[in-house]
C-alpha atoms as a PDB file:
ATOM      1  CA  MET A   1       5.494  98.547 -17.044  1.00  0.00           C
ATOM      2  CA  ARG A   2       3.337 100.780 -14.857  1.00  0.00           C
ATOM      3  CA  PRO A   3       6.281 102.160 -12.833  1.00  0.00           C
ATOM      4  CA  VAL A   4       7.992 103.258 -16.067  1.00  0.00           C
ATOM      5  CA  GLN A   5       4.870 105.021 -17.283  1.00  0.00           C
ATOM      6  CA  THR A   6       4.454 106.735 -13.942  1.00  0.00           C
ATOM      7  CA  VAL A   7       8.059 107.971 -14.013  1.00  0.00           C
ATOM      8  CA  LEU A   8       7.653 109.275 -17.573  1.00  0.00           C
ATOM      9  CA  ARG A   9       4.468 111.125 -16.746  1.00  0.00           C
ATOM     10  CA  SER A  10       6.095 112.686 -13.707  1.00  0.00           C
ATOM     11  CA  LEU A  11       9.080 113.846 -15.755  1.00  0.00           C
ATOM     12  CA  VAL A  12       6.898 115.299 -18.470  1.00  0.00           C
ATOM     13  CA  ALA A  13       4.671 117.022 -15.893  1.00  0.00           C
ATOM     14  CA  LEU A  14       7.705 118.638 -14.302  1.00  0.00           C
ATOM     15  CA  ALA A  15       9.392 119.527 -17.564  1.00  0.00           C
ATOM     16  CA  LEU A  16       6.410 121.232 -19.265  1.00  0.00           C
ATOM     17  CA  PRO A  17       5.800 123.969 -16.698  1.00  0.00           C
ATOM     18  CA  ALA A  18       9.530 124.728 -16.549  1.00  0.00           C
ATOM     19  CA  ALA A  19       9.653 124.912 -20.375  1.00  0.00           C
ATOM     20  CA  ALA A  20       6.645 127.217 -20.512  1.00  0.00           C
ATOM     21  CA  LEU A  21       8.179 129.583 -18.002  1.00  0.00           C
ATOM     22  CA  ALA A  22      11.436 129.621 -19.888  1.00  0.00           C
ATOM     23  CA  ALA A  23       9.723 130.443 -23.200  1.00  0.00           C
ATOM     24  CA  GLU A  24       7.878 133.385 -21.717  1.00  0.00           C
ATOM     25  CA  GLY A  25      10.952 134.906 -20.332  1.00  0.00           C
ATOM     26  CA  THR A  26      13.401 137.180 -22.039  1.00  0.00           C
ATOM     27  CA  GLY A  27      14.381 136.743 -25.602  1.00  0.00           C
ATOM     28  CA  SER A  28      17.709 135.535 -24.893  1.00  0.00           C
ATOM     29  CA  LYS A  29      18.623 131.974 -24.385  1.00  0.00           C
ATOM     30  CA  PRO A  30      15.846 129.726 -23.027  1.00  0.00           C
ATOM     31  CA  LEU A  31      16.224 128.256 -19.553  1.00  0.00           C
ATOM     32  CA  VAL A  32      15.513 124.710 -20.682  1.00  0.00           C
ATOM     33  CA  ASP A  33      17.359 123.146 -23.539  1.00  0.00           C
ATOM     34  CA  TRP A  34      14.615 120.941 -25.020  1.00  0.00           C
ATOM     35  CA  PRO A  35      16.787 118.792 -27.213  1.00  0.00           C
ATOM     36  CA  LEU A  36      18.969 118.051 -24.213  1.00  0.00           C
ATOM     37  CA  VAL A  37      15.937 117.238 -21.998  1.00  0.00           C
ATOM     38  CA  LEU A  38      14.445 114.988 -24.683  1.00  0.00           C
ATOM     39  CA  THR A  39      17.780 113.269 -25.156  1.00  0.00           C
ATOM     40  CA  GLN A  40      18.062 112.704 -21.421  1.00  0.00           C
ATOM     41  CA  ILE A  41      14.476 111.375 -21.242  1.00  0.00           C
ATOM     42  CA  VAL A  42      15.157 109.013 -24.137  1.00  0.00           C
ATOM     43  CA  GLY A  43      18.427 107.938 -22.498  1.00  0.00           C
ATOM     44  CA  PHE A  44      16.634 107.423 -19.199  1.00  0.00           C
ATOM     45  CA  LEU A  45      13.942 105.355 -20.924  1.00  0.00           C
ATOM     46  CA  ILE A  46      16.607 103.265 -22.659  1.00  0.00           C
ATOM     47  CA  LEU A  47      18.297 102.820 -19.279  1.00  0.00           C
ATOM     48  CA  LEU A  48      14.989 101.721 -17.735  1.00  0.00           C
ATOM     49  CA  TRP A  49      14.329  99.323 -20.611  1.00  0.00           C
ATOM     50  CA  GLY A  50      17.875  97.897 -20.300  1.00  0.00           C
ATOM     51  CA  LEU A  51      17.549  97.518 -16.548  1.00  0.00           C
ATOM     52  CA  ARG A  52      14.222  95.809 -16.966  1.00  0.00           C
ATOM     53  CA  ALA A  53      15.457  93.485 -19.667  1.00  0.00           C
ATOM     54  CA  PHE A  54      18.865  92.626 -18.231  1.00  0.00           C
ATOM     55  CA  ALA A  55      18.718  93.367 -14.513  1.00  0.00           C
ATOM     56  CA  TRP A  56      15.116  93.195 -13.278  1.00  0.00           C
ATOM     57  CA  GLY A  57      14.343  89.980 -15.153  1.00  0.00           C
ATOM     58  CA  PRO A  58      17.267  88.008 -13.689  1.00  0.00           C
ATOM     59  CA  ILE A  59      16.788  89.554 -10.240  1.00  0.00           C
ATOM     60  CA  ILE A  60      13.051  88.805 -10.278  1.00  0.00           C
ATOM     61  CA  GLY A  61      13.792  85.299 -11.623  1.00  0.00           C
ATOM     62  CA  PHE A  62      16.398  84.769  -8.905  1.00  0.00           C
ATOM     63  CA  LEU A  63      13.993  85.998  -6.228  1.00  0.00           C
ATOM     64  CA  GLU A  64      11.199  83.828  -7.614  1.00  0.00           C
ATOM     65  CA  GLU A  65      13.536  80.812  -7.694  1.00  0.00           C
ATOM     66  CA  ARG A  66      14.634  81.539  -4.130  1.00  0.00           C
ATOM     67  CA  ARG A  67      10.989  81.890  -3.022  1.00  0.00           C
ATOM     68  CA  ALA A  68      10.157  78.529  -4.631  1.00  0.00           C
ATOM     69  CA  ARG A  69      13.219  76.885  -3.046  1.00  0.00           C
ATOM     70  CA  ILE A  70      12.273  78.223   0.396  1.00  0.00           C
ATOM     71  CA  ALA A  71       8.680  77.038  -0.079  1.00  0.00           C
ATOM     72  CA  ASP A  72       9.993  73.597  -1.088  1.00  0.00           C
ATOM     73  CA  GLU A  73      12.245  73.511   1.983  1.00  0.00           C
ATOM     74  CA  PHE A  74       9.296  74.400   4.206  1.00  0.00           C
ATOM     75  CA  ALA A  75       7.208  71.691   2.555  1.00  0.00           C
ATOM     76  CA  GLU A  76      10.069  69.190   3.004  1.00  0.00           C
ATOM     77  CA  ALA A  77      10.448  70.222   6.651  1.00  0.00           C
ATOM     78  CA  ALA A  78       6.706  69.784   7.200  1.00  0.00           C
ATOM     79  CA  ARG A  79       6.811  66.384   5.488  1.00  0.00           C
ATOM     80  CA  ARG A  80       9.758  65.305   7.618  1.00  0.00           C
ATOM     81  CA  GLN A  81       8.043  66.578  10.757  1.00  0.00           C
ATOM     82  CA  ALA A  82       4.938  64.572   9.883  1.00  0.00           C
ATOM     83  CA  GLY A  83       7.099  61.495   9.262  1.00  0.00           C
ATOM     84  CA  ALA A  84       8.901  62.029  12.574  1.00  0.00           C
ATOM     85  CA  ASP A  85       5.580  62.422  14.397  1.00  0.00           C
ATOM     86  CA  GLU A  86       4.287  59.230  12.792  1.00  0.00           C
ATOM     87  CA  LEU A  87       7.494  57.385  13.665  1.00  0.00           C
ATOM     88  CA  LYS A  88       7.324  58.701  17.228  1.00  0.00           C
ATOM     89  CA  ALA A  89       3.732  57.524  17.587  1.00  0.00           C
ATOM     90  CA  ARG A  90       4.653  54.093  16.196  1.00  0.00           C
ATOM     91  CA  TYR A  91       7.620  53.806  18.568  1.00  0.00           C
ATOM     92  CA  GLU A  92       5.460  54.825  21.515  1.00  0.00           C
ATOM     93  CA  LEU A  93       2.932  52.131  20.578  1.00  0.00           C
ATOM     94  CA  GLU A  94       5.721  49.570  20.252  1.00  0.00           C
ATOM     95  CA  LEU A  95       7.125  50.674  23.610  1.00  0.00           C
ATOM     96  CA  LYS A  96       3.718  50.251  25.243  1.00  0.00           C
ATOM     97  CA  GLY A  97       3.444  46.813  23.631  1.00  0.00           C
ATOM     98  CA  ILE A  98       6.884  45.870  24.910  1.00  0.00           C
ATOM     99  CA  GLU A  99       5.997  47.088  28.408  1.00  0.00           C
ATOM    100  CA  ALA A 100       2.759  45.089  28.347  1.00  0.00           C
ATOM    101  CA  GLN A 101       4.632  42.019  27.118  1.00  0.00           C
ATOM    102  CA  ALA A 102       7.251  42.470  29.861  1.00  0.00           C
ATOM    103  CA  ARG A 103       4.511  42.742  32.485  1.00  0.00           C
ATOM    104  CA  ARG A 104       2.809  39.624  31.084  1.00  0.00           C
ATOM    105  CA  ARG A 105       6.098  37.704  31.138  1.00  0.00           C
ATOM    106  CA  LEU A 106       6.752  38.866  34.683  1.00  0.00           C
ATOM    107  CA  VAL A 107       3.313  37.641  35.769  1.00  0.00           C
ATOM    108  CA  GLU A 108       3.932  34.331  33.984  1.00  0.00           C
ATOM    109  CA  ALA A 109       7.339  34.015  35.662  1.00  0.00           C
ATOM    110  CA  VAL A 110       5.822  34.713  39.088  1.00  0.00           C
ATOM    111  CA  ALA A 111       3.085  32.144  38.444  1.00  0.00           C
ATOM    112  CA  GLU A 112       5.678  29.628  37.257  1.00  0.00           C
ATOM    113  CA  GLY A 113       7.787  30.359  40.356  1.00  0.00           C
ATOM    114  CA  GLN A 114       4.805  29.825  42.607  1.00  0.00           C
ATOM    115  CA  LYS A 115       3.995  26.599  40.794  1.00  0.00           C
ATOM    116  CA  VAL A 116       7.575  25.355  41.162  1.00  0.00           C
ATOM    117  CA  ALA A 117       7.601  26.404  44.828  1.00  0.00           C
ATOM    118  CA  ALA A 118       4.349  24.498  45.411  1.00  0.00           C
ATOM    119  CA  GLU A 119       5.799  21.423  43.668  1.00  0.00           C
ATOM    120  CA  ILE A 120       8.971  21.666  45.756  1.00  0.00           C
ATOM    121  CA  ARG A 121       6.896  22.030  48.938  1.00  0.00           C
ATOM    122  CA  SER A 122       4.706  19.049  48.075  1.00  0.00           C
ATOM    123  CA  GLN A 123       7.752  16.991  47.117  1.00  0.00           C
ATOM    124  CA  ALA A 124       9.512  17.970  50.378  1.00  0.00           C
ATOM    125  CA  HIS A 125       6.359  17.132  52.333  1.00  0.00           C
ATOM    126  CA  ALA A 126       6.121  13.741  50.595  1.00  0.00           C
ATOM    127  CA  GLU A 127       9.787  13.064  51.339  1.00  0.00           C
ATOM    128  CA  ALA A 128       9.298  14.101  54.972  1.00  0.00           C
ATOM    129  CA  VAL A 129       6.269  11.815  55.295  1.00  0.00           C
ATOM    130  CA  ALA A 130       8.221   8.957  53.713  1.00  0.00           C
ATOM    131  CA  ARG A 131      11.174   9.528  56.054  1.00  0.00           C
ATOM    132  CA  LEU A 132       8.834   9.682  59.018  1.00  0.00           C
ATOM    133  CA  ALA A 133       7.207   6.418  57.948  1.00  0.00           C
ATOM    134  CA  ARG A 134      10.634   4.783  57.528  1.00  0.00           C
ATOM    135  CA  ALA A 135      11.700   6.110  60.916  1.00  0.00           C
ATOM    136  CA  GLU A 136       8.546   4.737  62.532  1.00  0.00           C
ATOM    137  CA  GLU A 137       9.157   1.390  60.855  1.00  0.00           C
ATOM    138  CA  GLU A 138      12.758   1.395  62.069  1.00  0.00           C
ATOM    139  CA  ILE A 139      11.599   2.286  65.582  1.00  0.00           C
ATOM    140  CA  LEU A 140       9.038  -0.544  65.531  1.00  0.00           C
ATOM    141  CA  HIS A 141      11.661  -2.922  64.180  1.00  0.00           C
ATOM    142  CA  GLU A 142      14.164  -1.868  66.839  1.00  0.00           C
ATOM    143  CA  ARG A 143      11.461  -2.102  69.520  1.00  0.00           C
ATOM    144  CA  GLU A 144      10.670  -5.639  68.394  1.00  0.00           C
ATOM    145  CA  GLN A 145      14.364  -6.477  68.447  1.00  0.00           C
ATOM    146  CA  ALA A 146      14.684  -4.948  71.926  1.00  0.00           C
ATOM    147  CA  ARG A 147      11.675  -6.930  73.114  1.00  0.00           C
ATOM    148  CA  GLY A 148      13.104 -10.092  71.681  1.00  0.00           C
ATOM    149  CA  LEU A 149      16.463  -9.326  73.306  1.00  0.00           C
ATOM    150  CA  LEU A 150      14.741  -8.493  76.601  1.00  0.00           C
ATOM    151  CA  LYS A 151      12.743 -11.716  76.446  1.00  0.00           C
ATOM    152  CA  ALA A 152      15.930 -13.645  75.782  1.00  0.00           C
ATOM    153  CA  GLN A 153      17.654 -11.920  78.717  1.00  0.00           C
ATOM    154  CA  VAL A 154      14.653 -12.477  81.008  1.00  0.00           C
ATOM    155  CA  ALA A 155      14.490 -16.100  79.928  1.00  0.00           C
ATOM    156  CA  ALA A 156      18.224 -16.508  80.543  1.00  0.00           C
ATOM    157  CA  LEU A 157      17.915 -14.834  83.933  1.00  0.00           C
ATOM    158  CA  SER A 158      14.892 -16.928  84.773  1.00  0.00           C
ATOM    159  CA  ILE A 159      16.757 -20.072  83.848  1.00  0.00           C
ATOM    160  CA  ARG A 160      19.752 -19.048  85.941  1.00  0.00           C
ATOM    161  CA  THR A 161      17.498 -18.157  88.824  1.00  0.00           C
ATOM    162  CA  ALA A 162      15.674 -21.457  88.527  1.00  0.00           C
ATOM    163  CA  GLU A 163      19.015 -23.244  88.450  1.00  0.00           C
ATOM    164  CA  ASN A 164      20.099 -21.376  91.539  1.00  0.00           C
ATOM    165  CA  ILE A 165      16.826 -22.173  93.280  1.00  0.00           C
ATOM    166  CA  LEU A 166      17.125 -25.778  92.422  1.00  0.00           C
ATOM    167  CA  ARG A 167      20.682 -25.927  93.706  1.00  0.00           C
ATOM    168  CA  GLU A 168      19.861 -24.315  96.975  1.00  0.00           C
ATOM    169  CA  LYS A 169      17.053 -24.883  99.251  1.00  0.00           C
ATOM    170  CA  ILE A 170      15.035 -21.733  99.497  1.00  0.00           C
ATOM    171  CA  ASP A 171      14.261 -20.329 102.923  1.00  0.00           C
ATOM    172  CA  GLY A 172      13.310 -16.726 103.931  1.00  0.00           C
ATOM    173  CA  PRO A 173      16.793 -15.119 103.919  1.00  0.00           C
ATOM    174  CA  ALA A 174      17.873 -17.205 100.944  1.00  0.00           C
ATOM    175  CA  GLN A 175      14.811 -16.121  98.980  1.00  0.00           C
ATOM    176  CA  ARG A 176      15.605 -12.474  99.740  1.00  0.00           C
ATOM    177  CA  ARG A 177      19.181 -12.876  98.548  1.00  0.00           C
ATOM    178  CA  LEU A 178      17.975 -14.609  95.453  1.00  0.00           C
ATOM    179  CA  VAL A 179      15.567 -11.761  94.585  1.00  0.00           C
ATOM    180  CA  GLU A 180      18.275  -9.144  95.219  1.00  0.00           C
ATOM    181  CA  ARG A 181      20.694 -11.028  93.004  1.00  0.00           C
ATOM    182  CA  PHE A 182      17.966 -11.316  90.339  1.00  0.00           C
ATOM    183  CA  ILE A 183      17.411  -7.552  90.463  1.00  0.00           C
ATOM    184  CA  ASP A 184      21.139  -6.903  90.221  1.00  0.00           C
ATOM    185  CA  GLU A 185      21.488  -9.250  87.263  1.00  0.00           C
ATOM    186  CA  VAL A 186      18.540  -7.643  85.471  1.00  0.00           C
ATOM    187  CA  GLY A 187      20.342  -4.252  85.722  1.00  0.00           C
ATOM    188  CA  THR A 188      23.581  -5.630  84.126  1.00  0.00           C
ATOM    189  CA  PRO A 189      23.732  -7.205  80.655  1.00  0.00           C
ATOM    190  CA  PRO A 190      25.014 -10.811  80.412  1.00  0.00           C
END
């Protein structure tokens, strides 16, 4: 309401000096037509009242509604930003947890691998020792068989040599021939 009062005061302040000057002038027709000025002032006031009632009210209401809507949108944006920041922080924590869990599983897998490798090594060592023991046993067994076979061959050769000695009378050259034949027979299998 203050702007309307200010406008009215300004109009009246301007109109009064002009009316006073016009009244002092010549006796003919006054310069200002007061009924016309008053009619225009009343019309202007009616126009201001109409604008205020029908135009300013809706415009101010629209602007106020728009201001409230913008404030709500800013509040919603701030709320969403806070939610996004919270979600981001939670995801970062989960990601760190997942990374820690992956590292822990990797360490466990390496430890398990080392354990399995140690078991495989010990099992391979045990198998190698067992094979070595079996090989040594086989070698001893084959050595005993070879000794037995050698004893049998020596016994057979000794018997043949004794038979030959008994058949022939042994003298110096005959004994030499007999020994040479014995050596030759020992080198060849029966």
